[in-house]
Structures are given as structure tokens and as C-alpha cells.
Amino acid sequence: VQLVESGGGLVQPGGSLRLSCVASGSISNNNMGWYRQAPGK
């Protein structure tokens, strides 16, 4: 399965963004998650 994220960008503090992750196959039976990695962490 390939996962492609989108929706990132520059936003001011207090603002909002919606990220999307589109899978190349069905995810209906899958557990999914979002992770993040800050610089140097």
C-alpha cells in the first residue's frame, strides 16, 4: 500500500489546517495513524 499525505503548509498560530492521507488500496479493515517529527526530535 502506498500512502500519500497532503495539506501541509505555513499557518499562523491559532490557525487551522486539514491533512489528508490517501491510500492506494482499501483501508476499511486497517488501523491508521498520524505521527509527526519536529526538527532534531
PDB file of all heavy atoms in Angstrom:
ATOM      1  N   VAL A   1       0.841  -1.191   0.000  1.00  0.00           N
ATOM      2  CA  VAL A   1       0.000   0.000   0.000  1.00  0.00           C
ATOM      3  C   VAL A   1       0.879   1.245   0.000  1.00  0.00           C
ATOM      4  O   VAL A   1       1.869   1.310   0.736  1.00  0.00           O
ATOM      5  CB  VAL A   1      -0.926   0.011   1.226  1.00  0.00           C
ATOM      6  CG1 VAL A   1      -1.649   1.346   1.344  1.00  0.00           C
ATOM      7  CG2 VAL A   1      -1.926  -1.128   1.145  1.00  0.00           C
ATOM      8  N   GLN A   2       0.515   2.207  -0.801  1.00  0.00           N
ATOM      9  CA  GLN A   2       1.200   3.500  -0.790  1.00  0.00           C
ATOM     10  C   GLN A   2       0.306   4.525  -0.116  1.00  0.00           C
ATOM     11  O   GLN A   2      -0.910   4.567  -0.368  1.00  0.00           O
ATOM     12  CB  GLN A   2       1.548   3.943  -2.206  1.00  0.00           C
ATOM     13  CG  GLN A   2       2.619   3.071  -2.858  1.00  0.00           C
ATOM     14  CD  GLN A   2       3.064   3.606  -4.206  1.00  0.00           C
ATOM     15  OE1 GLN A   2       2.316   4.300  -4.877  1.00  0.00           O
ATOM     16  NE2 GLN A   2       4.291   3.307  -4.583  1.00  0.00           N
ATOM     17  N   LEU A   3       0.909   5.348   0.730  1.00  0.00           N
ATOM     18  CA  LEU A   3       0.187   6.385   1.458  1.00  0.00           C
ATOM     19  C   LEU A   3       0.746   7.745   1.033  1.00  0.00           C
ATOM     20  O   LEU A   3       1.966   7.945   1.072  1.00  0.00           O
ATOM     21  CB  LEU A   3       0.361   6.203   2.965  1.00  0.00           C
ATOM     22  CG  LEU A   3      -0.066   4.853   3.533  1.00  0.00           C
ATOM     23  CD1 LEU A   3       0.324   4.746   5.006  1.00  0.00           C
ATOM     24  CD2 LEU A   3      -1.560   4.652   3.375  1.00  0.00           C
ATOM     25  N   VAL A   4      -0.128   8.642   0.630  1.00  0.00           N
ATOM     26  CA  VAL A   4       0.297   9.959   0.170  1.00  0.00           C
ATOM     27  C   VAL A   4      -0.395  11.029   1.005  1.00  0.00           C
ATOM     28  O   VAL A   4      -1.629  11.155   0.961  1.00  0.00           O
ATOM     29  CB  VAL A   4      -0.012  10.156  -1.320  1.00  0.00           C
ATOM     30  CG1 VAL A   4       0.446  11.540  -1.772  1.00  0.00           C
ATOM     31  CG2 VAL A   4       0.668   9.074  -2.156  1.00  0.00           C
ATOM     32  N   GLU A   5       0.414  11.791   1.727  1.00  0.00           N
ATOM     33  CA  GLU A   5      -0.108  12.872   2.554  1.00  0.00           C
ATOM     34  C   GLU A   5      -0.155  14.176   1.769  1.00  0.00           C
ATOM     35  O   GLU A   5       0.654  14.397   0.853  1.00  0.00           O
ATOM     36  CB  GLU A   5       0.764  13.091   3.803  1.00  0.00           C
ATOM     37  CG  GLU A   5       0.958  11.884   4.679  1.00  0.00           C
ATOM     38  CD  GLU A   5       2.229  11.111   4.374  1.00  0.00           C
ATOM     39  OE1 GLU A   5       2.723  11.213   3.232  1.00  0.00           O
ATOM     40  OE2 GLU A   5       2.744  10.427   5.286  1.00  0.00           O
ATOM     41  N   SER A   6      -1.090  15.039   2.146  1.00  0.00           N
ATOM     42  CA  SER A   6      -1.177  16.375   1.567  1.00  0.00           C
ATOM     43  C   SER A   6      -1.852  17.301   2.564  1.00  0.00           C
ATOM     44  O   SER A   6      -2.414  16.838   3.567  1.00  0.00           O
ATOM     45  CB  SER A   6      -1.954  16.348   0.250  1.00  0.00           C
ATOM     46  OG  SER A   6      -3.294  15.943   0.473  1.00  0.00           O
ATOM     47  N   GLY A   7      -1.787  18.604   2.277  1.00  0.00           N
ATOM     48  CA  GLY A   7      -2.481  19.578   3.109  1.00  0.00           C
ATOM     49  C   GLY A   7      -1.589  20.379   4.024  1.00  0.00           C
ATOM     50  O   GLY A   7      -2.073  21.290   4.716  1.00  0.00           O
ATOM     51  N   GLY A   8      -0.298  20.059   4.065  1.00  0.00           N
ATOM     52  CA  GLY A   8       0.604  20.830   4.896  1.00  0.00           C
ATOM     53  C   GLY A   8       0.851  22.222   4.326  1.00  0.00           C
ATOM     54  O   GLY A   8       0.439  22.530   3.207  1.00  0.00           O
ATOM     55  N   GLY A   9       1.520  23.032   5.128  1.00  0.00           N
ATOM     56  CA  GLY A   9       1.830  24.387   4.668  1.00  0.00           C
ATOM     57  C   GLY A   9       2.182  25.283   5.829  1.00  0.00           C
ATOM     58  O   GLY A   9       2.405  24.817   6.953  1.00  0.00           O
ATOM     59  N   LEU A  10       2.225  26.570   5.535  1.00  0.00           N
ATOM     60  CA  LEU A  10       2.542  27.580   6.544  1.00  0.00           C
ATOM     61  C   LEU A  10       1.246  28.176   7.077  1.00  0.00           C
ATOM     62  O   LEU A  10       0.380  28.586   6.279  1.00  0.00           O
ATOM     63  CB  LEU A  10       3.408  28.671   5.922  1.00  0.00           C
ATOM     64  CG  LEU A  10       3.717  29.888   6.795  1.00  0.00           C
ATOM     65  CD1 LEU A  10       4.532  29.488   8.014  1.00  0.00           C
ATOM     66  CD2 LEU A  10       4.441  30.952   5.974  1.00  0.00           C
ATOM     67  N   VAL A  11       1.123  28.231   8.383  1.00  0.00           N
ATOM     68  CA  VAL A  11      -0.082  28.781   9.002  1.00  0.00           C
ATOM     69  C   VAL A  11       0.331  29.580  10.233  1.00  0.00           C
ATOM     70  O   VAL A  11       1.333  29.261  10.884  1.00  0.00           O
ATOM     71  CB  VAL A  11      -1.068  27.645   9.371  1.00  0.00           C
ATOM     72  CG1 VAL A  11      -0.473  26.702  10.387  1.00  0.00           C
ATOM     73  CG2 VAL A  11      -2.403  28.193   9.857  1.00  0.00           C
ATOM     74  N   GLN A  12      -0.438  30.603  10.543  1.00  0.00           N
ATOM     75  CA  GLN A  12      -0.149  31.420  11.718  1.00  0.00           C
ATOM     76  C   GLN A  12      -0.638  30.723  12.994  1.00  0.00           C
ATOM     77  O   GLN A  12      -1.558  29.900  12.936  1.00  0.00           O
ATOM     78  CB  GLN A  12      -0.831  32.778  11.593  1.00  0.00           C
ATOM     79  CG  GLN A  12      -0.260  33.641  10.488  1.00  0.00           C
ATOM     80  CD  GLN A  12      -0.855  35.036  10.484  1.00  0.00           C
ATOM     81  OE1 GLN A  12      -1.904  35.282  11.080  1.00  0.00           O
ATOM     82  NE2 GLN A  12      -0.184  35.971   9.826  1.00  0.00           N
ATOM     83  N   PRO A  13      -0.021  31.047  14.112  1.00  0.00           N
ATOM     84  CA  PRO A  13      -0.518  30.489  15.381  1.00  0.00           C
ATOM     85  C   PRO A  13      -2.000  30.793  15.566  1.00  0.00           C
ATOM     86  O   PRO A  13      -2.465  31.898  15.265  1.00  0.00           O
ATOM     87  CB  PRO A  13       0.334  31.224  16.425  1.00  0.00           C
ATOM     88  CG  PRO A  13       1.608  31.536  15.705  1.00  0.00           C
ATOM     89  CD  PRO A  13       1.191  31.853  14.295  1.00  0.00           C
ATOM     90  N   GLY A  14      -2.721  29.770  16.036  1.00  0.00           N
ATOM     91  CA  GLY A  14      -4.164  29.885  16.177  1.00  0.00           C
ATOM     92  C   GLY A  14      -4.948  29.460  14.966  1.00  0.00           C
ATOM     93  O   GLY A  14      -6.177  29.334  15.030  1.00  0.00           O
ATOM     94  N   GLY A  15      -4.259  29.228  13.872  1.00  0.00           N
ATOM     95  CA  GLY A  15      -4.916  28.838  12.638  1.00  0.00           C
ATOM     96  C   GLY A  15      -5.221  27.352  12.565  1.00  0.00           C
ATOM     97  O   GLY A  15      -4.990  26.600  13.515  1.00  0.00           O
ATOM     98  N   SER A  16      -5.752  26.952  11.406  1.00  0.00           N
ATOM     99  CA  SER A  16      -6.168  25.559  11.201  1.00  0.00           C
ATOM    100  C   SER A  16      -5.630  25.022   9.881  1.00  0.00           C
ATOM    101  O   SER A  16      -5.407  25.787   8.932  1.00  0.00           O
ATOM    102  CB  SER A  16      -7.698  25.467  11.180  1.00  0.00           C
ATOM    103  OG  SER A  16      -8.262  25.856  12.412  1.00  0.00           O
ATOM    104  N   LEU A  17      -5.453  23.727   9.842  1.00  0.00           N
ATOM    105  CA  LEU A  17      -5.108  23.006   8.621  1.00  0.00           C
ATOM    106  C   LEU A  17      -5.788  21.648   8.669  1.00  0.00           C
ATOM    107  O   LEU A  17      -6.022  21.102   9.755  1.00  0.00           O
ATOM    108  CB  LEU A  17      -3.595  22.777   8.498  1.00  0.00           C
ATOM    109  CG  LEU A  17      -2.697  23.917   8.039  1.00  0.00           C
ATOM    110  CD1 LEU A  17      -1.246  23.475   8.076  1.00  0.00           C
ATOM    111  CD2 LEU A  17      -3.065  24.385   6.631  1.00  0.00           C
ATOM    112  N   ARG A  18      -6.078  21.104   7.495  1.00  0.00           N
ATOM    113  CA  ARG A  18      -6.574  19.736   7.413  1.00  0.00           C
ATOM    114  C   ARG A  18      -5.627  18.924   6.539  1.00  0.00           C
ATOM    115  O   ARG A  18      -5.435  19.241   5.366  1.00  0.00           O
ATOM    116  CB  ARG A  18      -7.993  19.651   6.860  1.00  0.00           C
ATOM    117  CG  ARG A  18      -8.562  18.232   6.972  1.00  0.00           C
ATOM    118  CD  ARG A  18      -9.991  18.108   6.501  1.00  0.00           C
ATOM    119  NE  ARG A  18     -10.094  18.035   5.053  1.00  0.00           N
ATOM    120  CZ  ARG A  18     -11.122  17.500   4.407  1.00  0.00           C
ATOM    121  NH1 ARG A  18     -12.148  16.990   5.093  1.00  0.00           N
ATOM    122  NH2 ARG A  18     -11.152  17.499   3.081  1.00  0.00           N
ATOM    123  N   LEU A  19      -5.054  17.900   7.129  1.00  0.00           N
ATOM    124  CA  LEU A  19      -4.194  16.992   6.387  1.00  0.00           C
ATOM    125  C   LEU A  19      -5.019  15.816   5.871  1.00  0.00           C
ATOM    126  O   LEU A  19      -5.962  15.374   6.523  1.00  0.00           O
ATOM    127  CB  LEU A  19      -3.075  16.460   7.282  1.00  0.00           C
ATOM    128  CG  LEU A  19      -2.205  17.499   7.993  1.00  0.00           C
ATOM    129  CD1 LEU A  19      -1.096  16.800   8.758  1.00  0.00           C
ATOM    130  CD2 LEU A  19      -1.643  18.508   7.017  1.00  0.00           C
ATOM    131  N   SER A  20      -4.616  15.330   4.701  1.00  0.00           N
ATOM    132  CA  SER A  20      -5.256  14.158   4.106  1.00  0.00           C
ATOM    133  C   SER A  20      -4.200  13.102   3.828  1.00  0.00           C
ATOM    134  O   SER A  20      -3.055  13.417   3.500  1.00  0.00           O
ATOM    135  CB  SER A  20      -5.956  14.527   2.802  1.00  0.00           C
ATOM    136  OG  SER A  20      -6.974  15.477   3.008  1.00  0.00           O
ATOM    137  N   CYS A  21      -4.591  11.861   3.944  1.00  0.00           N
ATOM    138  CA  CYS A  21      -3.727  10.723   3.612  1.00  0.00           C
ATOM    139  C   CYS A  21      -4.537   9.781   2.741  1.00  0.00           C
ATOM    140  O   CYS A  21      -5.511   9.179   3.218  1.00  0.00           O
ATOM    141  CB  CYS A  21      -3.267  10.017   4.882  1.00  0.00           C
ATOM    142  SG  CYS A  21      -2.466   8.425   4.616  1.00  0.00           S
ATOM    143  N   VAL A  22      -4.148   9.692   1.487  1.00  0.00           N
ATOM    144  CA  VAL A  22      -4.849   8.826   0.542  1.00  0.00           C
ATOM    145  C   VAL A  22      -4.050   7.550   0.343  1.00  0.00           C
ATOM    146  O   VAL A  22      -2.849   7.595   0.047  1.00  0.00           O
ATOM    147  CB  VAL A  22      -5.051   9.534  -0.806  1.00  0.00           C
ATOM    148  CG1 VAL A  22      -5.774   8.604  -1.780  1.00  0.00           C
ATOM    149  CG2 VAL A  22      -5.846  10.822  -0.615  1.00  0.00           C
ATOM    150  N   ALA A  23      -4.726   6.418   0.530  1.00  0.00           N
ATOM    151  CA  ALA A  23      -4.094   5.113   0.355  1.00  0.00           C
ATOM    152  C   ALA A  23      -4.380   4.569  -1.040  1.00  0.00           C
ATOM    153  O   ALA A  23      -5.437   4.827  -1.613  1.00  0.00           O
ATOM    154  CB  ALA A  23      -4.609   4.142   1.414  1.00  0.00           C
ATOM    155  N   SER A  24      -3.424   3.775  -1.534  1.00  0.00           N
ATOM    156  CA  SER A  24      -3.584   3.215  -2.884  1.00  0.00           C
ATOM    157  C   SER A  24      -4.521   2.016  -2.894  1.00  0.00           C
ATOM    158  O   SER A  24      -4.907   1.552  -3.967  1.00  0.00           O
ATOM    159  CB  SER A  24      -2.219   2.808  -3.443  1.00  0.00           C
ATOM    160  OG  SER A  24      -1.609   1.840  -2.587  1.00  0.00           O
ATOM    161  N   GLY A  25      -4.851   1.516  -1.695  1.00  0.00           N
ATOM    162  CA  GLY A  25      -5.772   0.407  -1.598  1.00  0.00           C
ATOM    163  C   GLY A  25      -6.779   0.635  -0.484  1.00  0.00           C
ATOM    164  O   GLY A  25      -6.777   1.683   0.168  1.00  0.00           O
ATOM    165  N   SER A  26      -7.627  -0.328  -0.284  1.00  0.00           N
ATOM    166  CA  SER A  26      -8.657  -0.202   0.748  1.00  0.00           C
ATOM    167  C   SER A  26      -8.050  -0.136   2.142  1.00  0.00           C
ATOM    168  O   SER A  26      -7.092  -0.853   2.449  1.00  0.00           O
ATOM    169  CB  SER A  26      -9.612  -1.396   0.661  1.00  0.00           C
ATOM    170  OG  SER A  26     -10.539  -1.352   1.732  1.00  0.00           O
ATOM    171  N   ILE A  27      -8.614   0.744   2.972  1.00  0.00           N
ATOM    172  CA  ILE A  27      -8.171   0.850   4.367  1.00  0.00           C
ATOM    173  C   ILE A  27      -9.289   0.487   5.328  1.00  0.00           C
ATOM    174  O   ILE A  27      -9.159   0.696   6.532  1.00  0.00           O
ATOM    175  CB  ILE A  27      -7.664   2.273   4.687  1.00  0.00           C
ATOM    176  CG1 ILE A  27      -8.791   3.302   4.528  1.00  0.00           C
ATOM    177  CG2 ILE A  27      -6.460   2.639   3.827  1.00  0.00           C
ATOM    178  CD1 ILE A  27      -8.470   4.659   5.128  1.00  0.00           C
ATOM    179  N   SER A  28     -10.372  -0.034   4.817  1.00  0.00           N
ATOM    180  CA  SER A  28     -11.555  -0.242   5.660  1.00  0.00           C
ATOM    181  C   SER A  28     -11.305  -1.187   6.824  1.00  0.00           C
ATOM    182  O   SER A  28     -11.965  -1.088   7.862  1.00  0.00           O
ATOM    183  CB  SER A  28     -12.721  -0.746   4.809  1.00  0.00           C
ATOM    184  OG  SER A  28     -12.379  -1.968   4.186  1.00  0.00           O
ATOM    185  N   ASN A  29     -10.365  -2.107   6.704  1.00  0.00           N
ATOM    186  CA  ASN A  29     -10.065  -3.053   7.781  1.00  0.00           C
ATOM    187  C   ASN A  29      -8.760  -2.739   8.507  1.00  0.00           C
ATOM    188  O   ASN A  29      -8.243  -3.583   9.243  1.00  0.00           O
ATOM    189  CB  ASN A  29     -10.011  -4.477   7.229  1.00  0.00           C
ATOM    190  CG  ASN A  29     -11.365  -4.960   6.773  1.00  0.00           C
ATOM    191  OD1 ASN A  29     -12.370  -4.749   7.439  1.00  0.00           O
ATOM    192  ND2 ASN A  29     -11.405  -5.590   5.614  1.00  0.00           N
ATOM    193  N   ASN A  30      -8.265  -1.529   8.281  1.00  0.00           N
ATOM    194  CA  ASN A  30      -6.944  -1.173   8.803  1.00  0.00           C
ATOM    195  C   ASN A  30      -7.031  -0.161   9.932  1.00  0.00           C
ATOM    196  O   ASN A  30      -7.896   0.722   9.940  1.00  0.00           O
ATOM    197  CB  ASN A  30      -6.082  -0.570   7.689  1.00  0.00           C
ATOM    198  CG  ASN A  30      -5.890  -1.509   6.518  1.00  0.00           C
ATOM    199  OD1 ASN A  30      -6.332  -2.643   6.546  1.00  0.00           O
ATOM    200  ND2 ASN A  30      -5.255  -1.018   5.486  1.00  0.00           N
ATOM    201  N   ASN A  31      -6.109  -0.291  10.878  1.00  0.00           N
ATOM    202  CA  ASN A  31      -5.900   0.750  11.881  1.00  0.00           C
ATOM    203  C   ASN A  31      -4.888   1.738  11.318  1.00  0.00           C
ATOM    204  O   ASN A  31      -3.834   1.333  10.811  1.00  0.00           O
ATOM    205  CB  ASN A  31      -5.377   0.152  13.180  1.00  0.00           C
ATOM    206  CG  ASN A  31      -6.379  -0.776  13.842  1.00  0.00           C
ATOM    207  OD1 ASN A  31      -7.570  -0.734  13.550  1.00  0.00           O
ATOM    208  ND2 ASN A  31      -5.882  -1.628  14.725  1.00  0.00           N
ATOM    209  N   MET A  32      -5.216   3.018  11.406  1.00  0.00           N
ATOM    210  CA  MET A  32      -4.399   4.064  10.790  1.00  0.00           C
ATOM    211  C   MET A  32      -3.976   5.093  11.832  1.00  0.00           C
ATOM    212  O   MET A  32      -4.616   5.212  12.895  1.00  0.00           O
ATOM    213  CB  MET A  32      -5.191   4.760   9.673  1.00  0.00           C
ATOM    214  CG  MET A  32      -5.750   3.839   8.611  1.00  0.00           C
ATOM    215  SD  MET A  32      -4.475   3.052   7.613  1.00  0.00           S
ATOM    216  CE  MET A  32      -3.792   4.487   6.758  1.00  0.00           C
ATOM    217  N   GLY A  33      -2.929   5.838  11.507  1.00  0.00           N
ATOM    218  CA  GLY A  33      -2.485   6.846  12.458  1.00  0.00           C
ATOM    219  C   GLY A  33      -1.730   7.981  11.796  1.00  0.00           C
ATOM    220  O   GLY A  33      -1.311   7.892  10.640  1.00  0.00           O
ATOM    221  N   TRP A  34      -1.606   9.062  12.554  1.00  0.00           N
ATOM    222  CA  TRP A  34      -0.776  10.202  12.167  1.00  0.00           C
ATOM    223  C   TRP A  34       0.338  10.343  13.199  1.00  0.00           C
ATOM    224  O   TRP A  34       0.096  10.222  14.409  1.00  0.00           O
ATOM    225  CB  TRP A  34      -1.594  11.489  12.132  1.00  0.00           C
ATOM    226  CG  TRP A  34      -2.486  11.623  10.952  1.00  0.00           C
ATOM    227  CD1 TRP A  34      -3.814  11.311  10.874  1.00  0.00           C
ATOM    228  CD2 TRP A  34      -2.125  12.108   9.653  1.00  0.00           C
ATOM    229  NE1 TRP A  34      -4.308  11.561   9.621  1.00  0.00           N
ATOM    230  CE2 TRP A  34      -3.281  12.062   8.845  1.00  0.00           C
ATOM    231  CE3 TRP A  34      -0.941  12.581   9.089  1.00  0.00           C
ATOM    232  CZ2 TRP A  34      -3.285  12.474   7.511  1.00  0.00           C
ATOM    233  CZ3 TRP A  34      -0.953  12.980   7.769  1.00  0.00           C
ATOM    234  CH2 TRP A  34      -2.108  12.930   6.989  1.00  0.00           C
ATOM    235  N   TYR A  35       1.544  10.593  12.710  1.00  0.00           N
ATOM    236  CA  TYR A  35       2.715  10.828  13.537  1.00  0.00           C
ATOM    237  C   TYR A  35       3.354  12.132  13.080  1.00  0.00           C
ATOM    238  O   TYR A  35       3.056  12.620  11.989  1.00  0.00           O
ATOM    239  CB  TYR A  35       3.721   9.678  13.376  1.00  0.00           C
ATOM    240  CG  TYR A  35       3.250   8.367  13.934  1.00  0.00           C
ATOM    241  CD1 TYR A  35       2.216   7.660  13.321  1.00  0.00           C
ATOM    242  CD2 TYR A  35       3.823   7.821  15.076  1.00  0.00           C
ATOM    243  CE1 TYR A  35       1.765   6.459  13.836  1.00  0.00           C
ATOM    244  CE2 TYR A  35       3.391   6.612  15.603  1.00  0.00           C
ATOM    245  CZ  TYR A  35       2.361   5.941  14.979  1.00  0.00           C
ATOM    246  OH  TYR A  35       1.919   4.737  15.494  1.00  0.00           O
ATOM    247  N   ARG A  36       4.246  12.665  13.892  1.00  0.00           N
ATOM    248  CA  ARG A  36       4.967  13.862  13.484  1.00  0.00           C
ATOM    249  C   ARG A  36       6.388  13.838  14.017  1.00  0.00           C
ATOM    250  O   ARG A  36       6.670  13.233  15.046  1.00  0.00           O
ATOM    251  CB  ARG A  36       4.236  15.120  13.951  1.00  0.00           C
ATOM    252  CG  ARG A  36       4.216  15.341  15.456  1.00  0.00           C
ATOM    253  CD  ARG A  36       3.363  16.555  15.792  1.00  0.00           C
ATOM    254  NE  ARG A  36       3.324  16.821  17.229  1.00  0.00           N
ATOM    255  CZ  ARG A  36       2.561  17.761  17.784  1.00  0.00           C
ATOM    256  NH1 ARG A  36       1.757  18.519  17.028  1.00  0.00           N
ATOM    257  NH2 ARG A  36       2.581  17.941  19.095  1.00  0.00           N
ATOM    258  N   GLN A  37       7.242  14.530  13.271  1.00  0.00           N
ATOM    259  CA  GLN A  37       8.649  14.617  13.654  1.00  0.00           C
ATOM    260  C   GLN A  37       9.111  16.045  13.478  1.00  0.00           C
ATOM    261  O   GLN A  37       9.176  16.562  12.354  1.00  0.00           O
ATOM    262  CB  GLN A  37       9.504  13.665  12.820  1.00  0.00           C
ATOM    263  CG  GLN A  37      10.943  13.576  13.287  1.00  0.00           C
ATOM    264  CD  GLN A  37      11.676  12.409  12.656  1.00  0.00           C
ATOM    265  OE1 GLN A  37      11.264  11.854  11.641  1.00  0.00           O
ATOM    266  NE2 GLN A  37      12.779  12.015  13.259  1.00  0.00           N
ATOM    267  N   ALA A  38       9.430  16.668  14.601  1.00  0.00           N
ATOM    268  CA  ALA A  38       9.966  18.028  14.574  1.00  0.00           C
ATOM    269  C   ALA A  38      11.467  17.963  14.315  1.00  0.00           C
ATOM    270  O   ALA A  38      12.108  16.940  14.573  1.00  0.00           O
ATOM    271  CB  ALA A  38       9.681  18.720  15.900  1.00  0.00           C
ATOM    272  N   PRO A  39      12.051  19.062  13.829  1.00  0.00           N
ATOM    273  CA  PRO A  39      13.494  19.072  13.544  1.00  0.00           C
ATOM    274  C   PRO A  39      14.312  18.679  14.772  1.00  0.00           C
ATOM    275  O   PRO A  39      14.121  19.233  15.857  1.00  0.00           O
ATOM    276  CB  PRO A  39      13.758  20.515  13.138  1.00  0.00           C
ATOM    277  CG  PRO A  39      12.450  21.001  12.619  1.00  0.00           C
ATOM    278  CD  PRO A  39      11.406  20.323  13.433  1.00  0.00           C
ATOM    279  N   GLY A  40      15.195  17.703  14.598  1.00  0.00           N
ATOM    280  CA  GLY A  40      16.065  17.287  15.677  1.00  0.00           C
ATOM    281  C   GLY A  40      15.423  16.443  16.754  1.00  0.00           C
ATOM    282  O   GLY A  40      16.049  16.165  17.777  1.00  0.00           O
ATOM    283  N   LYS A  41      14.177  16.033  16.523  1.00  0.00           N
ATOM    284  CA  LYS A  41      13.464  15.248  17.536  1.00  0.00           C
ATOM    285  C   LYS A  41      13.019  13.913  16.968  1.00  0.00           C
ATOM    286  O   LYS A  41      13.050  13.691  15.763  1.00  0.00           O
ATOM    287  CB  LYS A  41      12.265  16.024  18.060  1.00  0.00           C
ATOM    288  CG  LYS A  41      12.655  17.300  18.805  1.00  0.00           C
ATOM    289  CD  LYS A  41      11.469  17.931  19.486  1.00  0.00           C
ATOM    290  CE  LYS A  41      11.875  19.149  20.288  1.00  0.00           C
ATOM    291  NZ  LYS A  41      10.719  19.765  20.997  1.00  0.00           N
TER     292      LYS A  41
END
